Protein backbone atom coordinates (compact mmCIF):
# COMPACT_ATOMS: atom_id res chain seq x y z
CA MET A 1 162.91 75.42 40.45
CA LYS A 2 162.42 78.42 39.53
CA ALA A 3 165.13 79.75 35.77
CA ARG A 4 167.45 82.35 36.48
CA LYS A 5 166.09 84.79 34.10
CA GLU A 6 162.51 84.21 35.90
CA PHE A 7 164.21 85.09 39.17
CA ILE A 8 165.57 88.41 38.30
CA GLN A 9 162.83 89.08 36.15
CA MET A 10 160.41 88.70 39.69
CA ALA A 11 163.58 90.52 41.49
CA THR A 12 163.26 93.31 39.57
CA THR A 13 159.02 93.33 40.07
CA ILE A 14 159.71 93.62 43.29
CA LEU A 15 162.42 97.03 43.66
CA ASP A 16 160.54 98.46 41.39
CA ILE A 17 157.64 98.41 43.46
CA MET A 18 159.86 99.23 46.60
CA ASP A 19 161.12 101.64 44.81
CA ALA A 20 157.78 103.46 44.04
CA TYR A 21 156.05 103.12 47.62
CA GLY A 22 159.69 103.56 49.66
CA VAL A 23 158.84 101.02 52.68
CA MET A 24 156.25 98.11 53.33
CA MET A 25 155.70 95.62 55.60
CA ARG A 26 157.56 93.50 55.01
CA THR A 27 154.64 91.22 55.45
CA GLN A 28 152.77 92.98 53.13
CA LEU A 29 155.99 92.05 50.53
CA GLU A 30 155.50 88.00 50.82
CA LEU A 31 152.13 88.28 50.59
CA MET A 32 151.25 90.59 47.04
CA PHE A 33 154.71 88.41 45.94
CA PRO A 34 153.95 85.18 47.08
CA ASP A 35 156.01 83.52 44.63
CA GLY A 36 158.71 85.74 45.59
CA ILE A 37 159.38 84.41 48.96
CA LYS A 38 162.90 83.87 48.20
CA GLU A 39 164.29 86.85 45.92
CA ILE A 40 162.79 88.65 48.11
CA ALA A 41 165.74 87.61 50.88
CA TYR A 42 168.42 87.78 48.07
CA LEU A 43 167.65 91.35 47.63
CA ILE A 44 168.17 91.13 51.60
CA LYS A 45 171.00 89.14 51.80
CA ASN A 46 172.35 91.48 49.00
CA LYS A 47 171.21 94.65 50.33
CA ARG A 48 169.38 95.74 47.87
CA LEU A 49 166.59 95.91 50.22
CA PHE A 50 167.31 96.80 54.11
CA LEU A 51 165.22 95.49 57.04
CA SER A 52 164.09 97.64 60.02
CA GLU A 53 165.36 96.74 63.46
CA ASP A 54 162.22 94.58 64.57
CA LYS A 55 162.57 93.11 61.11
CA LYS A 56 159.41 94.67 60.59
CA TYR A 57 159.84 97.09 57.44
CA LEU A 58 161.10 97.06 54.40
CA SER A 59 163.29 100.08 51.90
CA PRO A 60 165.27 100.15 48.97
CA ASP A 61 167.57 102.45 51.15
CA GLU A 62 168.93 101.76 54.86
CA THR A 63 166.58 105.09 56.02
CA ILE A 64 163.80 103.25 56.93
CA GLU A 65 160.30 105.55 57.96
CA PRO A 66 157.06 104.02 57.90
CA CYS A 67 154.16 106.26 56.68
CA LYS A 68 151.61 105.23 58.70
CA PRO A 69 148.66 106.45 55.59
CA LEU A 70 150.68 104.35 53.00
CA VAL A 71 150.94 101.35 55.02
CA ALA A 72 146.91 100.81 55.40
CA ALA A 73 146.46 102.10 52.21
CA ILE A 74 149.08 98.64 51.30
CA ASN A 75 147.25 96.49 53.50
CA VAL A 76 143.63 97.58 51.47
CA LEU A 77 144.89 96.96 48.73
CA LEU A 78 146.48 93.83 49.42
CA ASN A 79 142.44 93.12 50.11
CA VAL A 80 141.14 93.24 46.53
CA ILE A 81 145.03 92.97 45.39
CA SER A 82 143.25 89.62 42.87
CA LYS A 83 141.39 92.00 40.52
CA VAL A 84 144.17 94.36 39.80
CA SER A 85 146.26 94.83 37.07
CA PHE A 86 148.12 97.86 37.88
CA HIS A 87 148.94 100.00 41.32
CA THR A 88 151.24 102.74 41.92
CA VAL A 89 151.57 105.27 44.59
CA GLY A 90 148.81 108.23 44.22
CA LYS A 91 148.97 112.45 43.83
CA LEU A 92 147.23 113.26 47.07
CA PRO A 93 144.52 113.05 48.59
CA ALA A 94 145.26 109.36 47.24
CA GLN A 95 147.59 107.35 49.20
CA ILE A 96 147.58 104.54 46.25
CA ILE A 97 146.03 104.39 42.30
CA PHE A 98 145.06 101.09 40.64
CA VAL A 99 142.95 99.67 37.93
CA THR A 100 141.14 96.46 38.00
CA HIS A 101 141.31 93.59 35.54
CA ASN A 102 138.29 95.10 33.63
CA GLY A 103 140.21 98.56 33.56
CA ASP A 104 138.08 100.48 36.89
CA TYR A 105 140.15 102.93 37.89
CA TYR A 106 140.11 103.73 41.94
CA GLU A 107 141.62 105.80 44.25
CA ILE A 108 142.63 104.32 48.11
CA ILE A 109 142.45 107.28 49.88
CA TYR A 110 144.04 107.72 54.54
CA VAL A 111 141.79 110.34 56.17
CA GLU A 112 142.98 111.34 59.20
CA GLN A 113 141.10 112.12 62.15
CA GLY A 114 140.89 115.77 62.38
CA LYS A 115 141.80 116.24 58.40
CA GLU A 116 138.27 116.11 57.48
CA PRO A 117 138.25 119.90 56.80
CA ILE A 118 140.96 119.72 55.09
CA ILE A 119 139.35 116.65 52.29
CA ALA A 120 136.29 118.94 52.48
CA SER A 121 138.51 121.65 51.26
CA ILE A 122 139.94 119.70 48.35
CA TYR A 123 136.55 117.89 47.59
CA SER A 124 134.75 121.21 46.88
CA ASN A 125 133.38 122.02 43.86
CA GLU A 126 136.02 124.82 42.64
CA ALA A 127 138.90 122.96 43.70
CA LEU A 128 138.20 120.01 41.92
CA GLY A 129 139.15 121.86 38.82
CA ARG A 130 142.21 123.33 39.98
CA ALA A 131 143.11 120.10 42.08
CA GLY A 132 142.34 117.95 38.84
CA VAL A 133 140.71 115.57 40.52
CA ASP A 134 139.79 112.42 38.75
CA THR A 135 135.86 113.00 39.69
CA THR A 136 135.09 109.77 37.84
CA ALA A 137 137.58 107.84 40.07
CA LYS A 138 135.85 105.13 42.72
CA ARG A 139 137.11 105.54 45.62
CA LEU A 140 138.36 103.71 48.97
CA VAL A 141 138.01 105.40 51.89
CA ILE A 142 140.13 105.27 55.00
CA VAL A 143 139.28 107.00 58.54
CA GLU A 144 140.74 105.96 61.88
CA ASP A 145 137.43 106.10 63.36
CA LYS A 146 133.71 105.16 62.69
CA ALA A 147 132.79 108.01 63.29
CA GLN A 148 134.26 110.15 60.45
CA ILE A 149 132.23 108.10 57.66
CA GLN A 150 129.62 110.81 58.99
CA LYS A 151 131.87 113.36 58.68
CA ILE A 152 132.85 113.36 54.98
CA LYS A 153 130.35 110.94 53.42
CA GLY A 154 128.53 113.15 50.99
CA VAL A 155 132.40 115.22 50.46
CA ILE A 156 133.80 112.25 48.50
CA PRO A 157 132.84 111.43 45.47
CA ASN A 158 132.70 108.15 44.02
CA ILE A 159 133.28 106.02 47.32
CA LEU A 160 132.45 102.96 47.42
CA ARG A 161 133.67 101.38 50.55
CA PHE A 162 134.56 102.64 53.82
CA ALA A 163 137.76 100.44 55.29
CA VAL A 164 137.87 102.20 59.28
CA LEU A 165 141.12 101.35 61.26
CA LYS A 166 141.14 98.55 64.42
CA SER A 167 144.31 98.86 66.44
CA CYS A 168 146.32 95.99 65.03
CA GLY A 169 146.52 96.93 61.32
CA SER A 170 143.05 95.15 60.31
CA PHE A 171 140.02 96.84 58.81
CA ASP A 172 136.12 96.54 59.52
CA PHE A 173 134.68 97.67 55.54
CA TYR A 174 131.69 99.15 55.20
CA THR A 175 129.59 99.68 52.25
CA ASN A 176 126.43 101.52 53.77
CA VAL A 177 127.65 104.53 55.13
CA GLU A 178 124.68 104.32 57.92
CA GLY A 179 126.48 101.75 59.74
CA GLY A 180 126.04 98.26 57.88
CA LYS A 181 129.10 95.76 57.30
């Protein structure tokens, strides 16, 4: 059984993450904190976290409006969470930024279908300097359709992997942008 101090530390860490991300799926938070299930239940019971009507989403306030790109980015993050030492919400176009245990810096970017020209303008050579975009970051790019890969593969620098969102919320990952998994 956890000591009171450990319980409070875990609950505080959970609240810090929820404050950063705003809205998360309950399953995402439970996967992020597998040893914090009791703390999550405690926070819900004491109205420090609020459940959506369908009991699927959590938020630190009663207004629960999930952000599809952020929810998808959190799912991608959960695929590598064991290698992550720090993560938080990113500055657009990145949904999430994270640092691995070995010090590598990553961004998770969500590209909605039809928004490829906007992404191209952000990553154009001229815009990179003005926007302060980190050109050394490794990137995981989420797309809604595999056909988007061809439209943005040469536009965003340092893409490590593409994640193609499937209808059920899972992903197909591609490292070879020509279509290999």
